Amino acid sequence: MVVVISLSITVSNIYLTGALGNILCKIFISGSAHTCLLNAFVVSLMAITIERYLKVVYPFWSKKKIKR
């Protein structure tokens, strides 16, 4: 969804002046939104992977220490 918004803002002929133009440029056109979402996705996958690893390798420890 962010890709569609970014491409539509980039392709459209919007004048990037004022506060709104500054925000659109910094977030969407520069690619900051893509980078933030990609980093959040990677961190969440890493957390799930570590949790599953602990549950498989250390089942008794994970039952005591990891909450549901």
PDB file of N, CA and C in Angstrom:
ATOM      1  N   MET A   1       0.816  -1.188   0.000  1.00  0.00           N
ATOM      2  CA  MET A   1       0.000   0.000   0.000  1.00  0.00           C
ATOM      3  C   MET A   1       0.868   1.263   0.000  1.00  0.00           C
ATOM      4  N   VAL A   2       1.945   1.230   0.748  1.00  0.00           N
ATOM      5  CA  VAL A   2       2.834   2.393   0.805  1.00  0.00           C
ATOM      6  C   VAL A   2       3.502   2.614  -0.539  1.00  0.00           C
ATOM      7  N   VAL A   3       3.794   1.528  -1.240  1.00  0.00           N
ATOM      8  CA  VAL A   3       4.424   1.645  -2.554  1.00  0.00           C
ATOM      9  C   VAL A   3       3.489   2.349  -3.525  1.00  0.00           C
ATOM     10  N   VAL A   4       2.212   2.004  -3.478  1.00  0.00           N
ATOM     11  CA  VAL A   4       1.232   2.636  -4.364  1.00  0.00           C
ATOM     12  C   VAL A   4       1.113   4.122  -4.054  1.00  0.00           C
ATOM     13  N   ILE A   5       1.070   4.469  -2.782  1.00  0.00           N
ATOM     14  CA  ILE A   5       0.975   5.886  -2.393  1.00  0.00           C
ATOM     15  C   ILE A   5       2.221   6.638  -2.830  1.00  0.00           C
ATOM     16  N   SER A   6       3.386   6.054  -2.595  1.00  0.00           N
ATOM     17  CA  SER A   6       4.634   6.727  -2.967  1.00  0.00           C
ATOM     18  C   SER A   6       4.739   6.931  -4.474  1.00  0.00           C
ATOM     19  N   LEU A   7       4.411   5.906  -5.229  1.00  0.00           N
ATOM     20  CA  LEU A   7       4.488   6.043  -6.689  1.00  0.00           C
ATOM     21  C   LEU A   7       3.455   7.031  -7.216  1.00  0.00           C
ATOM     22  N   SER A   8       2.266   7.051  -6.641  1.00  0.00           N
ATOM     23  CA  SER A   8       1.261   7.998  -7.119  1.00  0.00           C
ATOM     24  C   SER A   8       1.652   9.438  -6.792  1.00  0.00           C
ATOM     25  N   ILE A   9       2.279   9.664  -5.658  1.00  0.00           N
ATOM     26  CA  ILE A   9       2.738  11.017  -5.326  1.00  0.00           C
ATOM     27  C   ILE A   9       3.905  11.419  -6.228  1.00  0.00           C
ATOM     28  N   THR A  10       4.812  10.473  -6.489  1.00  0.00           N
ATOM     29  CA  THR A  10       5.972  10.767  -7.325  1.00  0.00           C
ATOM     30  C   THR A  10       5.560  11.055  -8.774  1.00  0.00           C
ATOM     31  N   VAL A  11       4.625  10.274  -9.303  1.00  0.00           N
ATOM     32  CA  VAL A  11       4.221  10.418 -10.696  1.00  0.00           C
ATOM     33  C   VAL A  11       3.319  11.627 -10.907  1.00  0.00           C
ATOM     34  N   SER A  12       2.480  11.922  -9.923  1.00  0.00           N
ATOM     35  CA  SER A  12       1.550  13.045 -10.088  1.00  0.00           C
ATOM     36  C   SER A  12       2.306  14.369 -10.114  1.00  0.00           C
ATOM     37  N   ASN A  13       1.654  15.350 -10.619  1.00  0.00           N
ATOM     38  CA  ASN A  13       2.275  16.660 -10.790  1.00  0.00           C
ATOM     39  C   ASN A  13       1.880  17.576  -9.624  1.00  0.00           C
ATOM     40  N   ILE A  14       2.314  17.208  -8.412  1.00  0.00           N
ATOM     41  CA  ILE A  14       1.993  17.984  -7.212  1.00  0.00           C
ATOM     42  C   ILE A  14       3.159  18.932  -6.933  1.00  0.00           C
ATOM     43  N   TYR A  15       2.816  20.188  -6.648  1.00  0.00           N
ATOM     44  CA  TYR A  15       3.840  21.148  -6.251  1.00  0.00           C
ATOM     45  C   TYR A  15       4.177  20.914  -4.787  1.00  0.00           C
ATOM     46  N   LEU A  16       5.427  20.624  -4.511  1.00  0.00           N
ATOM     47  CA  LEU A  16       5.851  20.319  -3.154  1.00  0.00           C
ATOM     48  C   LEU A  16       6.363  21.575  -2.471  1.00  0.00           C
ATOM     49  N   THR A  17       5.435  22.453  -2.113  1.00  0.00           N
ATOM     50  CA  THR A  17       5.794  23.671  -1.407  1.00  0.00           C
ATOM     51  C   THR A  17       5.050  23.702  -0.087  1.00  0.00           C
ATOM     52  N   GLY A  18       5.607  24.398   0.849  1.00  0.00           N
ATOM     53  CA  GLY A  18       4.966  24.540   2.146  1.00  0.00           C
ATOM     54  C   GLY A  18       5.208  23.344   3.045  1.00  0.00           C
ATOM     55  N   ALA A  19       4.456  23.305   4.146  1.00  0.00           N
ATOM     56  CA  ALA A  19       4.638  22.250   5.138  1.00  0.00           C
ATOM     57  C   ALA A  19       4.203  20.889   4.597  1.00  0.00           C
ATOM     58  N   LEU A  20       3.083  20.833   3.892  1.00  0.00           N
ATOM     59  CA  LEU A  20       2.606  19.561   3.346  1.00  0.00           C
ATOM     60  C   LEU A  20       3.570  19.009   2.304  1.00  0.00           C
ATOM     61  N   GLY A  21       4.085  19.849   1.458  1.00  0.00           N
ATOM     62  CA  GLY A  21       5.055  19.412   0.462  1.00  0.00           C
ATOM     63  C   GLY A  21       6.332  18.903   1.096  1.00  0.00           C
ATOM     64  N   ASN A  22       6.753  19.559   2.170  1.00  0.00           N
ATOM     65  CA  ASN A  22       7.948  19.128   2.884  1.00  0.00           C
ATOM     66  C   ASN A  22       7.737  17.746   3.493  1.00  0.00           C
ATOM     67  N   ILE A  23       6.582  17.512   4.102  1.00  0.00           N
ATOM     68  CA  ILE A  23       6.291  16.217   4.708  1.00  0.00           C
ATOM     69  C   ILE A  23       6.195  15.131   3.643  1.00  0.00           C
ATOM     70  N   LEU A  24       5.497  15.414   2.547  1.00  0.00           N
ATOM     71  CA  LEU A  24       5.379  14.428   1.471  1.00  0.00           C
ATOM     72  C   LEU A  24       6.736  14.059   0.904  1.00  0.00           C
ATOM     73  N   CYS A  25       7.586  15.049   0.747  1.00  0.00           N
ATOM     74  CA  CYS A  25       8.916  14.798   0.198  1.00  0.00           C
ATOM     75  C   CYS A  25       9.754  13.952   1.147  1.00  0.00           C
ATOM     76  N   LYS A  26       9.744  14.296   2.433  1.00  0.00           N
ATOM     77  CA  LYS A  26      10.575  13.578   3.399  1.00  0.00           C
ATOM     78  C   LYS A  26      10.107  12.152   3.628  1.00  0.00           C
ATOM     79  N   ILE A  27       8.813  11.914   3.628  1.00  0.00           N
ATOM     80  CA  ILE A  27       8.310  10.581   3.958  1.00  0.00           C
ATOM     81  C   ILE A  27       8.178   9.700   2.725  1.00  0.00           C
ATOM     82  N   PHE A  28       7.479  10.165   1.712  1.00  0.00           N
ATOM     83  CA  PHE A  28       7.122   9.288   0.610  1.00  0.00           C
ATOM     84  C   PHE A  28       8.122   9.294  -0.536  1.00  0.00           C
ATOM     85  N   ILE A  29       8.543  10.448  -0.968  1.00  0.00           N
ATOM     86  CA  ILE A  29       9.404  10.514  -2.149  1.00  0.00           C
ATOM     87  C   ILE A  29      10.822  10.045  -1.827  1.00  0.00           C
ATOM     88  N   SER A  30      11.301  10.321  -0.620  1.00  0.00           N
ATOM     89  CA  SER A  30      12.656   9.899  -0.269  1.00  0.00           C
ATOM     90  C   SER A  30      12.750   8.408   0.031  1.00  0.00           C
ATOM     91  N   GLY A  31      11.622   7.747   0.281  1.00  0.00           N
ATOM     92  CA  GLY A  31      11.643   6.314   0.550  1.00  0.00           C
ATOM     93  C   GLY A  31      11.753   5.964   2.016  1.00  0.00           C
ATOM     94  N   SER A  32      11.553   6.916   2.895  1.00  0.00           N
ATOM     95  CA  SER A  32      11.645   6.646   4.326  1.00  0.00           C
ATOM     96  C   SER A  32      10.547   5.703   4.804  1.00  0.00           C
ATOM     97  N   ALA A  33       9.369   5.825   4.232  1.00  0.00           N
ATOM     98  CA  ALA A  33       8.264   4.949   4.627  1.00  0.00           C
ATOM     99  C   ALA A  33       8.585   3.498   4.269  1.00  0.00           C
ATOM    100  N   HIS A  34       9.171   3.283   3.089  1.00  0.00           N
ATOM    101  CA  HIS A  34       9.541   1.925   2.686  1.00  0.00           C
ATOM    102  C   HIS A  34      10.565   1.343   3.648  1.00  0.00           C
ATOM    103  N   THR A  35      11.561   2.130   3.975  1.00  0.00           N
ATOM    104  CA  THR A  35      12.637   1.652   4.837  1.00  0.00           C
ATOM    105  C   THR A  35      12.129   1.324   6.233  1.00  0.00           C
ATOM    106  N   CYS A  36      11.296   2.173   6.792  1.00  0.00           N
ATOM    107  CA  CYS A  36      10.761   1.929   8.134  1.00  0.00           C
ATOM    108  C   CYS A  36       9.908   0.668   8.172  1.00  0.00           C
ATOM    109  N   LEU A  37       9.052   0.483   7.187  1.00  0.00           N
ATOM    110  CA  LEU A  37       8.208  -0.706   7.158  1.00  0.00           C
ATOM    111  C   LEU A  37       9.022  -1.976   6.929  1.00  0.00           C
ATOM    112  N   LEU A  38      10.033  -1.907   6.098  1.00  0.00           N
ATOM    113  CA  LEU A  38      10.880  -3.068   5.860  1.00  0.00           C
ATOM    114  C   LEU A  38      11.645  -3.450   7.122  1.00  0.00           C
ATOM    115  N   ASN A  39      12.184  -2.464   7.827  1.00  0.00           N
ATOM    116  CA  ASN A  39      12.897  -2.747   9.078  1.00  0.00           C
ATOM    117  C   ASN A  39      11.964  -3.331  10.131  1.00  0.00           C
ATOM    118  N   ALA A  40      10.752  -2.828  10.238  1.00  0.00           N
ATOM    119  CA  ALA A  40       9.788  -3.367  11.208  1.00  0.00           C
ATOM    120  C   ALA A  40       9.438  -4.813  10.867  1.00  0.00           C
ATOM    121  N   PHE A  41       9.295  -5.113   9.594  1.00  0.00           N
ATOM    122  CA  PHE A  41       8.995  -6.468   9.155  1.00  0.00           C
ATOM    123  C   PHE A  41      10.133  -7.422   9.516  1.00  0.00           C
ATOM    124  N   VAL A  42      11.359  -7.023   9.282  1.00  0.00           N
ATOM    125  CA  VAL A  42      12.514  -7.874   9.574  1.00  0.00           C
ATOM    126  C   VAL A  42      12.648  -8.105  11.076  1.00  0.00           C
ATOM    127  N   VAL A  43      12.459  -7.070  11.884  1.00  0.00           N
ATOM    128  CA  VAL A  43      12.572  -7.213  13.337  1.00  0.00           C
ATOM    129  C   VAL A  43      11.495  -8.147  13.875  1.00  0.00           C
ATOM    130  N   SER A  44      10.278  -8.037  13.367  1.00  0.00           N
ATOM    131  CA  SER A  44       9.216  -8.924  13.845  1.00  0.00           C
ATOM    132  C   SER A  44       9.484 -10.373  13.450  1.00  0.00           C
ATOM    133  N   LEU A  45      10.000 -10.612  12.252  1.00  0.00           N
ATOM    134  CA  LEU A  45      10.359 -11.977  11.859  1.00  0.00           C
ATOM    135  C   LEU A  45      11.494 -12.541  12.706  1.00  0.00           C
ATOM    136  N   MET A  46      12.452 -11.698  13.066  1.00  0.00           N
ATOM    137  CA  MET A  46      13.541 -12.153  13.930  1.00  0.00           C
ATOM    138  C   MET A  46      13.030 -12.522  15.316  1.00  0.00           C
ATOM    139  N   ALA A  47      12.110 -11.729  15.857  1.00  0.00           N
ATOM    140  CA  ALA A  47      11.556 -12.022  17.175  1.00  0.00           C
ATOM    141  C   ALA A  47      10.778 -13.333  17.173  1.00  0.00           C
ATOM    142  N   ILE A  48      10.002 -13.569  16.133  1.00  0.00           N
ATOM    143  CA  ILE A  48       9.245 -14.820  16.036  1.00  0.00           C
ATOM    144  C   ILE A  48      10.197 -16.006  15.897  1.00  0.00           C
ATOM    145  N   THR A  49      11.258 -15.843  15.117  1.00  0.00           N
ATOM    146  CA  THR A  49      12.231 -16.919  14.928  1.00  0.00           C
ATOM    147  C   THR A  49      12.932 -17.271  16.225  1.00  0.00           C
ATOM    148  N   ILE A  50      13.335 -16.269  16.990  1.00  0.00           N
ATOM    149  CA  ILE A  50      14.019 -16.516  18.261  1.00  0.00           C
ATOM    150  C   ILE A  50      13.074 -17.196  19.249  1.00  0.00           C
ATOM    151  N   GLU A  51      11.835 -16.751  19.280  1.00  0.00           N
ATOM    152  CA  GLU A  51      10.867 -17.370  20.186  1.00  0.00           C
ATOM    153  C   GLU A  51      10.651 -18.838  19.840  1.00  0.00           C
ATOM    154  N   ARG A  52      10.474 -19.132  18.564  1.00  0.00           N
ATOM    155  CA  ARG A  52      10.266 -20.525  18.147  1.00  0.00           C
ATOM    156  C   ARG A  52      11.504 -21.381  18.419  1.00  0.00           C
ATOM    157  N   TYR A  53      12.678 -20.823  18.221  1.00  0.00           N
ATOM    158  CA  TYR A  53      13.919 -21.552  18.504  1.00  0.00           C
ATOM    159  C   TYR A  53      13.997 -21.913  19.987  1.00  0.00           C
ATOM    160  N   LEU A  54      13.690 -20.955  20.857  1.00  0.00           N
ATOM    161  CA  LEU A  54      13.741 -21.221  22.289  1.00  0.00           C
ATOM    162  C   LEU A  54      12.715 -22.269  22.697  1.00  0.00           C
ATOM    163  N   LYS A  55      11.544 -22.246  22.085  1.00  0.00           N
ATOM    164  CA  LYS A  55      10.520 -23.235  22.424  1.00  0.00           C
ATOM    165  C   LYS A  55      10.909 -24.637  21.984  1.00  0.00           C
ATOM    166  N   VAL A  56      11.641 -24.766  20.893  1.00  0.00           N
ATOM    167  CA  VAL A  56      12.032 -26.093  20.410  1.00  0.00           C
ATOM    168  C   VAL A  56      13.274 -26.606  21.140  1.00  0.00           C
ATOM    169  N   VAL A  57      14.271 -25.766  21.315  1.00  0.00           N
ATOM    170  CA  VAL A  57      15.544 -26.216  21.883  1.00  0.00           C
ATOM    171  C   VAL A  57      15.481 -26.318  23.406  1.00  0.00           C
ATOM    172  N   TYR A  58      14.805 -25.377  24.057  1.00  0.00           N
ATOM    173  CA  TYR A  58      14.698 -25.370  25.513  1.00  0.00           C
ATOM    174  C   TYR A  58      13.225 -25.396  25.929  1.00  0.00           C
ATOM    175  N   PRO A  59      12.546 -26.545  25.791  1.00  0.00           N
ATOM    176  CA  PRO A  59      11.104 -26.559  26.038  1.00  0.00           C
ATOM    177  C   PRO A  59      10.729 -26.308  27.499  1.00  0.00           C
ATOM    178  N   PHE A  60      11.486 -26.865  28.447  1.00  0.00           N
ATOM    179  CA  PHE A  60      11.129 -26.684  29.857  1.00  0.00           C
ATOM    180  C   PHE A  60      11.417 -25.258  30.321  1.00  0.00           C
ATOM    181  N   TRP A  61      12.528 -24.703  29.880  1.00  0.00           N
ATOM    182  CA  TRP A  61      12.856 -23.322  30.241  1.00  0.00           C
ATOM    183  C   TRP A  61      11.832 -22.352  29.650  1.00  0.00           C
ATOM    184  N   SER A  62      11.427 -22.604  28.417  1.00  0.00           N
ATOM    185  CA  SER A  62      10.490 -21.692  27.766  1.00  0.00           C
ATOM    186  C   SER A  62       9.107 -21.763  28.407  1.00  0.00           C
ATOM    187  N   LYS A  63       8.714 -22.936  28.944  1.00  0.00           N
ATOM    188  CA  LYS A  63       7.417 -23.016  29.623  1.00  0.00           C
ATOM    189  C   LYS A  63       7.409 -22.184  30.897  1.00  0.00           C
ATOM    190  N   LYS A  64       8.557 -22.113  31.573  1.00  0.00           N
ATOM    191  CA  LYS A  64       8.636 -21.329  32.805  1.00  0.00           C
ATOM    192  C   LYS A  64       8.813 -19.835  32.539  1.00  0.00           C
ATOM    193  N   LYS A  65       9.659 -19.499  31.593  1.00  0.00           N
ATOM    194  CA  LYS A  65      10.079 -18.105  31.431  1.00  0.00           C
ATOM    195  C   LYS A  65       9.256 -17.310  30.402  1.00  0.00           C
ATOM    196  N   ILE A  66       8.796 -17.954  29.331  1.00  0.00           N
ATOM    197  CA  ILE A  66       8.088 -17.220  28.272  1.00  0.00           C
ATOM    198  C   ILE A  66       6.601 -17.271  28.547  1.00  0.00           C
ATOM    199  N   LYS A  67       5.997 -16.112  28.634  1.00  0.00           N
ATOM    200  CA  LYS A  67       4.554 -16.013  28.890  1.00  0.00           C
ATOM    201  C   LYS A  67       3.793 -16.232  27.589  1.00  0.00           C
ATOM    202  N   ARG A  68       2.538 -16.533  27.703  1.00  0.00           N
ATOM    203  CA  ARG A  68       1.690 -16.689  26.510  1.00  0.00           C
ATOM    204  C   ARG A  68       1.326 -15.346  25.947  1.00  0.00           C
TER     205      ARG A  68
END
